[in-house]
Amino acid sequence: MLSSLRLSAYYLPWRGAVFKVLRNRNIGYLSSLSNEAQYSDKTPIRRHRPDYAIILYMGLLMLIGLIIMYAIGPQRANVLNNAYGGDYSGTYFFFKQVTSLIFALVAFGTMAIIPYTLVTKNSGKILLVALGSCVLLAIAGWANLGIAQQSLGATRWFNFGLLGSLQPAEFLKFAILIFTAGFLGAKIKQGKVNDTHETLIPLAIIVAISMLFIVVIQKDLGTGISLVGIIASMLFIGGINKRNGGIILLIFAAIGAIFIISAPHRIDRIATYIKGDNSSISDASSYQIEHAKIAIGTGGLFGVGIGNSVQATGYLPEAINDSVFAIMGETFGFVGLVIILLLFLALLMRILKVMDHLVDYRLKLIAAGVFGWLGAHVILNVASMIGIFPLTGITLPLLSFGGTSMLFIAAALGIVFQLSHYTIHPSKLKEAQNENFSSRRGIGRSRHSSRSSFTRN
C-alpha cells in the first residue's frame, strides 16, 4: 500500500501542464475548487462509469454488520436489562443498526450526487460548524444538560431522544478531511507545502484545536489517532519532505505520550500491553483484551455459528461496538475474519486506485485522507483486539454498532465514488499531466511557469 502511495506522489499535475477552462457540461475534469470544468488540451476527461466495486465492498461489509447485530443483539439486550434495569427488546439493536445503515446509504448517495465542488467550496464553513458542535457539546456537558450524553466518564454524544445520538468528533474528522485537502492543495500549487509559516503552522493550529476537543475534552484518544491518520496520509501524498515529516512524527509522538501519562486508564492499558500474555482476566485492566482473545480463540477455524456466541452474553465489554471484531471471530472463525479483512483490503485498494488515477492533486488528497481514515480505524481496532497494539476504543468501520461513525465514513466513501467518475486511464495519465519527473524533484518545491501558458475561454 505504501508503494502505491509513493507512486501516486509522482502523478501530481506539475511542470507546466496546460489547462483550459471550459463551460461544457459534457466535459468534466477534476478541477480545483471552482464550478468550471477543466481539461487537458491533449486528453479531455469525460464523466465515465464510476467504480461500482466501492459500493460492492462497502455493501458487503454493512451486510455482515447487520448479520452480527441480528445474532448478538438479543444477548446485548439481556445484559443491559439484567445488569442495568433496561427495557430493551431483543430486536432493538438490529433495527437500530438498520436505521443507521439507511442514513449511511443516504449520506453516501448524497455525497455521490452533489457536485464535490459545492462541498469543497464550503469547506471552511463546514469546519466552523463542526468545531462549533464540539464547543456546544463541551458546554452542554459542563452544564449537565440532558442533550449531552455521558458514558464511562466521557461526554462524546448529543442525545436527541427518538432521533438517536450524534458524535461531533466524527463530523469534525469529515470537516478536517475536506478543509485540509483544499488548504494543502492550494499550498502545493504555490510550491509551499513545506513552508513552515504559511502551511505547517496553520495546519498544526487546526489539528491542535481539534485534538483539544477530541482527546482532552471528549477523552477520545482513539478518534484522535484516526484524525492523525487522515492528516498523515494527506501530508505524505502532498509531498512533505523527510525533515518536516520526521519533525511532525516526533511532535505527534510527544503529544501522544503526554495524553497517555495524563490519564490513569491509558497508563493501565499500556501496562497491560507490556505484560502481554502474562496478564490475567482477574486484572481489571486486562479483562477486555483477555476476553477478546478468548472469543477469537474459541471461534477456531469456522466459528461457533450465528447466535451461539458466549462472550456476547456479558463477558466481553463493548461486544457490539469496539469489540465486535472479536465477536465476529468467535461467530465466524478464522476463515470468516480473513474474508472480512480481505473485504477491507479490497475497499482500501479501490480507494488507492481512484487516487492514483486522479489528475487534480487536491482531489488526490481527499482520496488519500479517506484511505487514512478507513485504514487507521481498521488497523487500530483489529490490532488492539489481537494484542498487537494497546487497547484503544475505536470502532470497526461499517461493522460496529453506532450510526455517526458509519454515517460520515459512508459520506466520505460517497465523495470517493463521485471522484471515480473522472479518473483517467494510466496510459493517458502522463500525457494529461505533462509529466517529466526524471530528476525526482520534490513536489512541494516551487515551480515557475509562464503566465501565457494558461488561457481562459
Protein backbone atom coordinates (compact mmCIF):
# COMPACT_ATOMS: atom_id res chain seq x y z
CA MET A 1 0.00 0.00 0.00
CA LEU A 2 2.84 2.36 0.89
CA SER A 3 4.41 1.74 -2.51
CA SER A 4 1.13 2.74 -4.15
CA LEU A 5 1.08 5.90 -2.04
CA ARG A 6 4.63 6.72 -3.04
CA LEU A 7 3.92 6.15 -6.74
CA SER A 8 0.88 8.39 -6.58
CA ALA A 9 3.09 11.27 -5.44
CA TYR A 10 4.69 11.22 -8.89
CA TYR A 11 1.39 11.90 -10.58
CA LEU A 12 0.66 15.41 -9.41
CA PRO A 13 -0.09 17.98 -12.12
CA TRP A 14 3.13 19.98 -12.31
CA ARG A 15 5.79 21.05 -14.75
CA GLY A 16 3.89 23.43 -16.94
CA ALA A 17 0.72 21.45 -17.56
CA VAL A 18 -1.59 23.44 -19.82
CA PHE A 19 -5.26 23.63 -18.92
CA LYS A 20 -8.22 25.35 -20.49
CA VAL A 21 -11.31 26.36 -18.55
CA LEU A 22 -14.46 25.25 -20.37
CA ARG A 23 -18.12 25.55 -19.54
CA ASN A 24 -19.05 22.42 -21.45
CA ARG A 25 -21.22 20.25 -19.22
CA ASN A 26 -20.25 17.16 -21.23
CA ILE A 27 -16.56 17.50 -20.43
CA GLY A 28 -15.72 17.22 -16.76
CA TYR A 29 -12.21 17.45 -15.42
CA LEU A 30 -11.26 17.12 -11.82
CA SER A 31 -10.98 20.80 -11.27
CA SER A 32 -9.76 22.69 -8.26
CA LEU A 33 -12.44 24.32 -6.14
CA SER A 34 -14.35 26.13 -8.89
CA ASN A 35 -17.51 25.12 -10.64
CA GLU A 36 -15.85 25.36 -14.03
CA ALA A 37 -14.65 22.12 -15.58
CA GLN A 38 -11.04 21.95 -16.73
CA TYR A 39 -9.41 19.59 -19.08
CA SER A 40 -6.06 18.96 -20.66
CA ASP A 41 -5.75 20.03 -24.28
CA LYS A 42 -4.47 16.60 -25.28
CA THR A 43 -6.59 14.36 -23.09
CA PRO A 44 -10.08 15.60 -22.20
CA ILE A 45 -11.61 13.71 -19.30
CA ARG A 46 -15.27 12.92 -19.70
CA ARG A 47 -17.56 11.72 -16.97
CA HIS A 48 -17.48 7.94 -17.24
CA ARG A 49 -18.64 4.81 -15.49
CA PRO A 50 -17.75 5.02 -11.78
CA ASP A 51 -16.05 2.34 -9.70
CA TYR A 52 -19.01 0.26 -8.54
CA ALA A 53 -16.64 -2.05 -6.66
CA ILE A 54 -16.61 0.61 -3.91
CA ILE A 55 -20.36 0.11 -3.44
CA LEU A 56 -19.97 -3.67 -3.59
CA TYR A 57 -17.33 -3.93 -0.86
CA MET A 58 -18.99 -1.30 1.33
CA GLY A 59 -22.35 -3.05 0.98
CA LEU A 60 -20.93 -6.47 1.83
CA LEU A 61 -19.32 -5.09 4.99
CA MET A 62 -22.56 -3.40 6.01
CA LEU A 63 -24.46 -6.64 5.41
CA ILE A 64 -22.04 -8.57 7.64
CA GLY A 65 -22.54 -5.91 10.29
CA LEU A 66 -26.30 -6.41 10.12
CA ILE A 67 -25.90 -10.16 10.45
CA ILE A 68 -23.73 -9.87 13.55
CA MET A 69 -26.13 -7.33 15.12
CA TYR A 70 -29.02 -9.69 14.48
CA ALA A 71 -27.04 -12.50 16.12
CA ILE A 72 -25.83 -10.74 19.28
CA GLY A 73 -28.50 -8.03 19.65
CA PRO A 74 -30.76 -10.14 21.90
CA GLN A 75 -27.81 -11.08 24.11
CA ARG A 76 -26.80 -7.45 24.43
CA ALA A 77 -30.37 -6.51 25.33
CA ASN A 78 -30.47 -9.18 28.05
CA VAL A 79 -27.22 -7.91 29.56
CA LEU A 80 -28.48 -4.33 29.72
CA ASN A 81 -31.89 -5.39 31.05
CA ASN A 82 -30.50 -7.60 33.79
CA ALA A 83 -27.47 -5.57 34.83
CA TYR A 84 -28.79 -2.03 34.42
CA GLY A 85 -32.55 -2.46 34.61
CA GLY A 86 -33.08 -1.58 30.98
CA ASP A 87 -36.15 -2.32 28.90
CA TYR A 88 -34.65 -3.28 25.54
CA SER A 89 -36.38 -5.70 23.19
CA GLY A 90 -34.44 -8.50 21.55
CA THR A 91 -34.59 -6.78 18.16
CA TYR A 92 -33.76 -3.27 19.38
CA PHE A 93 -30.11 -3.23 18.34
CA PHE A 94 -30.77 -4.88 14.99
CA PHE A 95 -33.41 -2.35 13.95
CA LYS A 96 -31.27 0.46 15.34
CA GLN A 97 -28.45 -0.71 13.08
CA VAL A 98 -30.83 -0.93 10.13
CA THR A 99 -31.81 2.70 10.75
CA SER A 100 -28.14 3.72 10.93
CA LEU A 101 -27.43 1.85 7.71
CA ILE A 102 -30.28 3.64 5.91
CA PHE A 103 -28.96 7.04 6.99
CA ALA A 104 -25.44 6.00 5.95
CA LEU A 105 -26.65 4.97 2.50
CA VAL A 106 -28.47 8.29 2.15
CA ALA A 107 -25.23 10.09 3.11
CA PHE A 108 -23.29 8.02 0.58
CA GLY A 109 -25.80 8.75 -2.17
CA THR A 110 -25.91 12.45 -1.32
CA MET A 111 -22.13 12.84 -1.46
CA ALA A 112 -22.02 10.79 -4.65
CA ILE A 113 -24.53 13.08 -6.38
CA ILE A 114 -23.87 16.58 -5.02
CA PRO A 115 -21.01 18.15 -7.02
CA TYR A 116 -17.84 17.85 -4.99
CA THR A 117 -17.07 21.49 -5.80
CA LEU A 118 -20.08 22.53 -3.73
CA VAL A 119 -18.62 20.68 -0.74
CA THR A 120 -15.03 21.87 -1.20
CA LYS A 121 -16.09 25.49 -1.75
CA ASN A 122 -17.80 25.49 1.63
CA SER A 123 -15.10 23.52 3.47
CA GLY A 124 -14.31 26.44 5.77
CA LYS A 125 -17.95 26.78 6.80
CA ILE A 126 -18.25 23.02 7.33
CA LEU A 127 -15.17 23.11 9.58
CA LEU A 128 -16.57 26.00 11.62
CA VAL A 129 -19.89 24.18 12.10
CA ALA A 130 -18.03 21.01 13.17
CA LEU A 131 -15.89 22.91 15.67
CA GLY A 132 -18.97 24.76 16.89
CA SER A 133 -20.75 21.48 17.54
CA CYS A 134 -17.80 20.35 19.67
CA VAL A 135 -17.96 23.62 21.63
CA LEU A 136 -21.70 23.17 22.21
CA LEU A 137 -21.16 19.61 23.40
CA ALA A 138 -18.49 20.74 25.84
CA ILE A 139 -20.74 23.48 27.23
CA ALA A 140 -23.70 21.10 27.48
CA GLY A 141 -21.54 18.56 29.30
CA TRP A 142 -20.22 21.06 31.81
CA ALA A 143 -23.76 22.34 32.42
CA ASN A 144 -25.07 18.76 32.84
CA LEU A 145 -27.72 19.32 30.20
CA GLY A 146 -29.75 16.28 29.14
CA ILE A 147 -28.78 16.73 25.50
CA ALA A 148 -25.16 15.83 26.35
CA GLN A 149 -24.93 12.05 26.67
CA GLN A 150 -22.31 10.81 29.13
CA SER A 151 -20.82 7.33 29.13
CA LEU A 152 -17.91 5.88 31.13
CA GLY A 153 -16.89 9.32 32.34
CA ALA A 154 -16.77 10.87 28.87
CA THR A 155 -19.15 13.21 27.06
CA ARG A 156 -18.95 12.43 23.35
CA TRP A 157 -22.51 12.46 22.01
CA PHE A 158 -25.51 14.68 21.57
CA ASN A 159 -28.62 12.79 22.64
CA PHE A 160 -31.66 13.68 20.52
CA GLY A 161 -34.03 11.15 22.04
CA LEU A 162 -36.01 9.20 19.46
CA LEU A 163 -33.88 10.71 16.69
CA GLY A 164 -30.79 9.00 18.11
CA SER A 165 -27.39 10.43 19.01
CA LEU A 166 -24.65 12.29 17.16
CA GLN A 167 -20.91 12.24 17.84
CA PRO A 168 -19.41 15.61 16.80
CA ALA A 169 -15.90 14.12 16.63
CA GLU A 170 -16.87 12.10 13.54
CA PHE A 171 -18.30 15.21 11.90
CA LEU A 172 -15.08 17.04 12.76
CA LYS A 173 -12.97 14.35 11.04
CA PHE A 174 -15.05 14.74 7.88
CA ALA A 175 -14.68 18.53 8.03
CA ILE A 176 -10.92 18.29 8.58
CA LEU A 177 -10.66 15.95 5.60
CA ILE A 178 -12.38 18.35 3.21
CA PHE A 179 -10.75 21.51 4.54
CA THR A 180 -7.21 20.13 4.64
CA ALA A 181 -7.47 18.80 1.08
CA GLY A 182 -8.28 22.27 -0.21
CA PHE A 183 -5.74 24.01 2.01
CA LEU A 184 -2.84 21.69 1.21
CA GLY A 185 -3.84 21.54 -2.44
CA ALA A 186 -3.55 25.31 -2.74
CA LYS A 187 -0.17 25.28 -1.00
CA ILE A 188 1.11 22.53 -3.30
CA LYS A 189 0.08 24.59 -6.30
CA GLN A 190 2.06 27.50 -4.88
CA GLY A 191 5.04 25.26 -4.12
CA LYS A 192 4.68 25.96 -0.40
CA VAL A 193 3.65 22.61 1.04
CA ASN A 194 6.83 22.56 3.18
CA ASP A 195 6.63 26.21 4.14
CA THR A 196 6.62 26.37 7.94
CA HIS A 197 4.82 29.68 8.40
CA GLU A 198 2.29 29.53 5.59
CA THR A 199 1.43 25.81 5.65
CA LEU A 200 2.65 23.75 8.57
CA ILE A 201 1.91 26.13 11.44
CA PRO A 202 -1.66 26.98 10.31
CA LEU A 203 -2.35 23.28 9.79
CA ALA A 204 -0.85 22.49 13.21
CA ILE A 205 -3.15 25.04 14.84
CA ILE A 206 -6.23 23.45 13.29
CA VAL A 207 -5.12 19.96 14.34
CA ALA A 208 -4.28 21.19 17.86
CA ILE A 209 -7.73 22.74 18.30
CA SER A 210 -9.34 19.54 17.05
CA MET A 211 -7.24 17.42 19.42
CA LEU A 212 -8.22 19.69 22.30
CA PHE A 213 -11.88 18.86 21.81
CA ILE A 214 -11.49 15.20 20.81
CA VAL A 215 -8.75 13.94 23.14
CA VAL A 216 -8.77 16.36 26.07
CA ILE A 217 -12.43 17.37 26.44
CA GLN A 218 -14.16 14.32 24.95
CA LYS A 219 -11.43 11.94 26.22
CA ASP A 220 -11.33 10.01 22.95
CA LEU A 221 -7.72 9.15 22.12
CA GLY A 222 -8.70 6.54 19.53
CA THR A 223 -10.57 9.09 17.42
CA GLY A 224 -7.64 11.47 17.82
CA ILE A 225 -5.26 8.83 16.44
CA SER A 226 -7.53 8.26 13.44
CA LEU A 227 -7.51 12.02 12.80
CA VAL A 228 -3.71 11.86 12.78
CA GLY A 229 -4.00 9.06 10.22
CA ILE A 230 -6.04 11.33 7.95
CA ILE A 231 -3.58 14.21 8.21
CA ALA A 232 -0.50 11.97 7.84
CA SER A 233 -1.86 10.35 4.66
CA MET A 234 -2.58 13.72 3.10
CA LEU A 235 0.82 15.15 4.02
CA PHE A 236 2.56 12.09 2.61
CA ILE A 237 0.77 12.39 -0.72
CA GLY A 238 1.14 16.17 -0.61
CA GLY A 239 4.91 15.84 -0.73
CA ILE A 240 6.05 16.67 2.78
CA ASN A 241 9.84 16.32 2.88
CA LYS A 242 11.65 13.88 5.14
CA ARG A 243 12.89 16.53 7.55
CA ASN A 244 9.49 18.09 8.17
CA GLY A 245 7.84 14.68 8.18
CA GLY A 246 10.25 13.45 10.86
CA ILE A 247 9.68 16.54 12.99
CA ILE A 248 5.90 16.14 12.72
CA LEU A 249 6.12 12.48 13.72
CA LEU A 250 8.21 13.37 16.77
CA ILE A 251 5.73 16.07 17.77
CA PHE A 252 2.80 13.67 17.41
CA ALA A 253 4.69 11.06 19.46
CA ALA A 254 5.47 13.57 22.22
CA ILE A 255 1.89 14.83 22.37
CA GLY A 256 0.61 11.24 22.39
CA ALA A 257 2.89 10.43 25.32
CA ILE A 258 1.54 13.44 27.22
CA PHE A 259 -2.04 12.36 26.56
CA ILE A 260 -1.25 8.85 27.82
CA ILE A 261 0.53 9.80 31.05
CA SER A 262 -2.17 12.38 31.85
CA ALA A 263 -4.87 9.69 32.10
CA PRO A 264 -4.58 6.75 34.55
CA HIS A 265 -6.75 4.42 32.43
CA ARG A 266 -4.43 4.93 29.45
CA ILE A 267 -1.40 4.12 31.59
CA ASP A 268 -3.15 0.93 32.69
CA ARG A 269 -3.72 -0.04 29.07
CA ILE A 270 -0.06 0.49 28.23
CA ALA A 271 0.95 -1.56 31.28
CA THR A 272 -1.43 -4.34 30.19
CA TYR A 273 0.04 -4.27 26.69
CA ILE A 274 3.57 -4.56 28.08
CA LYS A 275 2.56 -7.56 30.20
CA GLY A 276 1.32 -9.35 27.08
CA ASP A 277 0.42 -12.98 27.72
CA ASN A 278 1.40 -12.58 31.38
CA SER A 279 -1.75 -10.59 32.04
CA SER A 280 -4.74 -12.21 33.72
CA ILE A 281 -8.54 -11.97 33.48
CA SER A 282 -8.60 -11.22 37.20
CA ASP A 283 -6.75 -7.99 36.45
CA ALA A 284 -9.39 -5.33 35.69
CA SER A 285 -7.19 -3.56 33.15
CA SER A 286 -6.63 -6.84 31.27
CA TYR A 287 -10.24 -8.03 31.36
CA GLN A 288 -11.39 -6.81 27.96
CA ILE A 289 -8.36 -7.81 25.93
CA GLU A 290 -8.18 -11.25 27.54
CA HIS A 291 -11.82 -11.97 26.80
CA ALA A 292 -11.32 -10.69 23.26
CA LYS A 293 -8.53 -13.23 22.78
CA ILE A 294 -10.73 -15.96 24.28
CA ALA A 295 -13.51 -15.06 21.84
CA ILE A 296 -11.22 -15.23 18.81
CA GLY A 297 -9.60 -18.44 20.02
CA THR A 298 -12.94 -20.08 20.74
CA GLY A 299 -14.07 -19.45 17.18
CA GLY A 300 -11.46 -21.79 15.80
CA LEU A 301 -11.41 -22.23 12.02
CA PHE A 302 -15.09 -21.78 11.14
CA GLY A 303 -16.64 -20.29 14.30
CA VAL A 304 -19.35 -21.39 16.68
CA GLY A 305 -22.13 -20.18 14.41
CA ILE A 306 -24.60 -17.30 14.40
CA GLY A 307 -26.38 -16.87 17.74
CA ASN A 308 -24.00 -19.13 19.67
CA SER A 309 -21.54 -16.52 20.98
CA VAL A 310 -20.75 -16.90 24.67
CA GLN A 311 -18.65 -13.74 25.05
CA ALA A 312 -21.53 -11.59 23.79
CA THR A 313 -23.68 -12.66 26.77
CA GLY A 314 -21.88 -10.20 29.02
CA TYR A 315 -18.32 -11.43 29.34
CA LEU A 316 -16.72 -9.22 26.70
CA PRO A 317 -17.26 -5.47 27.25
CA GLU A 318 -18.46 -3.36 24.29
CA ALA A 319 -19.31 -6.52 22.34
CA ILE A 320 -21.32 -4.67 19.70
CA ASN A 321 -19.00 -1.64 19.47
CA ASP A 322 -15.24 -1.68 19.90
CA SER A 323 -15.03 -5.46 20.46
CA VAL A 324 -17.17 -6.53 17.51
CA PHE A 325 -14.14 -7.95 15.68
CA ALA A 326 -13.55 -10.44 18.50
CA ILE A 327 -17.24 -11.42 18.48
CA MET A 328 -17.08 -11.98 14.73
CA GLY A 329 -14.02 -14.17 15.30
CA GLU A 330 -15.99 -16.27 17.74
CA THR A 331 -19.01 -16.41 15.43
CA PHE A 332 -17.40 -16.85 12.01
CA GLY A 333 -13.98 -18.23 12.98
CA PHE A 334 -10.58 -17.59 11.43
CA VAL A 335 -11.88 -18.05 7.89
CA GLY A 336 -14.63 -15.51 8.46
CA LEU A 337 -12.19 -12.94 9.84
CA VAL A 338 -9.88 -13.42 6.86
CA ILE A 339 -12.79 -12.78 4.49
CA ILE A 340 -13.75 -9.63 6.39
CA LEU A 341 -10.18 -8.33 6.34
CA LEU A 342 -9.92 -9.09 2.62
CA LEU A 343 -13.06 -7.03 2.03
CA PHE A 344 -11.49 -4.10 3.88
CA LEU A 345 -8.27 -4.56 1.93
CA ALA A 346 -10.17 -4.63 -1.36
CA LEU A 347 -12.06 -1.44 -0.43
CA LEU A 348 -8.83 0.32 0.55
CA MET A 349 -7.18 -0.74 -2.69
CA ARG A 350 -10.09 0.66 -4.72
CA ILE A 351 -9.65 3.99 -2.92
CA LEU A 352 -5.95 3.93 -3.77
CA LYS A 353 -6.76 3.13 -7.39
CA VAL A 354 -9.09 6.12 -7.62
CA MET A 355 -6.43 8.31 -6.04
CA ASP A 356 -3.70 7.09 -8.41
CA HIS A 357 -5.84 7.84 -11.46
CA LEU A 358 -6.88 11.35 -10.45
CA VAL A 359 -5.07 14.29 -12.01
CA ASP A 360 -6.00 17.14 -9.67
CA TYR A 361 -3.84 16.91 -6.57
CA ARG A 362 -6.48 18.45 -4.30
CA LEU A 363 -8.79 15.58 -5.10
CA LYS A 364 -5.96 13.11 -4.68
CA LEU A 365 -5.66 14.45 -1.14
CA ILE A 366 -9.34 13.81 -0.45
CA ALA A 367 -8.96 10.18 -1.55
CA ALA A 368 -5.73 9.87 0.46
CA GLY A 369 -7.48 11.21 3.55
CA VAL A 370 -10.34 8.75 3.20
CA PHE A 371 -7.77 5.96 2.84
CA GLY A 372 -6.03 7.11 6.03
CA TRP A 373 -9.34 7.44 7.87
CA LEU A 374 -10.62 3.98 7.00
CA GLY A 375 -7.20 2.33 7.28
CA ALA A 376 -6.48 3.83 10.70
CA HIS A 377 -9.78 2.57 12.10
CA VAL A 378 -9.31 -0.95 10.75
CA ILE A 379 -5.68 -1.27 11.84
CA LEU A 380 -6.22 0.18 15.32
CA ASN A 381 -9.35 -1.86 16.05
CA VAL A 382 -8.06 -5.20 14.76
CA ALA A 383 -4.57 -4.80 16.21
CA SER A 384 -5.91 -3.90 19.65
CA MET A 385 -8.30 -6.89 19.67
CA ILE A 386 -5.48 -9.38 18.98
CA GLY A 387 -2.99 -7.71 21.33
CA ILE A 388 -0.60 -6.18 18.78
CA PHE A 389 -1.46 -2.63 19.89
CA PRO A 390 -2.63 -1.38 23.28
CA LEU A 391 -6.40 -1.45 23.68
CA THR A 392 -7.96 1.58 22.02
CA GLY A 393 -11.62 2.49 21.99
CA ILE A 394 -12.25 2.84 18.27
CA THR A 395 -14.98 1.42 16.06
CA LEU A 396 -14.55 -1.07 13.23
CA PRO A 397 -15.87 0.85 10.20
CA LEU A 398 -19.24 -0.19 8.76
CA LEU A 399 -19.46 -3.13 11.19
CA SER A 400 -19.60 -1.74 14.73
CA PHE A 401 -22.91 -0.65 16.24
CA GLY A 402 -23.41 3.08 16.06
CA GLY A 403 -24.71 5.50 13.47
CA THR A 404 -22.42 8.53 13.47
CA SER A 405 -19.23 6.71 12.50
CA MET A 406 -20.99 4.79 9.75
CA LEU A 407 -22.74 7.94 8.54
CA PHE A 408 -19.61 10.03 7.97
CA ILE A 409 -17.42 7.20 6.69
CA ALA A 410 -20.15 6.40 4.15
CA ALA A 411 -20.29 10.10 3.22
CA ALA A 412 -16.51 10.13 2.68
CA LEU A 413 -16.75 7.00 0.54
CA GLY A 414 -19.53 8.69 -1.43
CA ILE A 415 -17.15 11.50 -2.37
CA VAL A 416 -14.53 8.99 -3.50
CA PHE A 417 -17.19 7.20 -5.55
CA GLN A 418 -18.09 10.50 -7.23
CA LEU A 419 -14.43 11.20 -8.00
CA SER A 420 -14.15 7.78 -9.63
CA HIS A 421 -16.35 9.21 -12.42
CA TYR A 422 -13.41 11.34 -13.53
CA THR A 423 -10.35 9.13 -13.25
CA ILE A 424 -8.04 8.83 -16.24
CA HIS A 425 -6.56 5.71 -17.82
CA PRO A 426 -2.93 5.06 -16.79
CA SER A 427 -1.79 5.19 -20.41
CA LYS A 428 -3.08 8.78 -20.65
CA LEU A 429 -2.05 9.92 -17.19
CA LYS A 430 1.43 11.15 -18.02
CA GLU A 431 0.18 12.81 -21.17
CA ALA A 432 -2.53 14.62 -19.23
CA GLN A 433 -0.11 15.84 -16.61
CA ASN A 434 2.74 16.64 -18.99
CA GLU A 435 4.91 14.74 -16.56
CA ASN A 436 8.67 14.72 -16.50
CA PHE A 437 9.95 13.52 -13.16
CA SER A 438 13.26 12.03 -14.22
CA SER A 439 15.07 14.25 -11.72
CA ARG A 440 12.53 13.40 -8.96
CA ARG A 441 12.20 16.91 -7.63
CA GLY A 442 10.07 17.19 -4.52
CA ILE A 443 6.52 18.09 -5.40
CA GLY A 444 6.48 20.63 -2.62
CA ARG A 445 9.10 22.82 -4.28
CA SER A 446 8.20 25.96 -6.16
CA ARG A 447 7.56 25.64 -9.84
CA HIS A 448 7.55 28.58 -12.21
CA SER A 449 5.51 28.54 -15.36
CA SER A 450 4.82 31.21 -17.89
CA ARG A 451 1.55 33.00 -17.41
CA SER A 452 0.98 32.76 -21.11
CA SER A 453 0.74 29.00 -20.76
CA PHE A 454 -2.66 29.42 -19.14
CA THR A 455 -5.53 30.57 -21.29
CA ARG A 456 -9.12 31.13 -20.43
CA ASN A 457 -12.16 30.77 -22.68
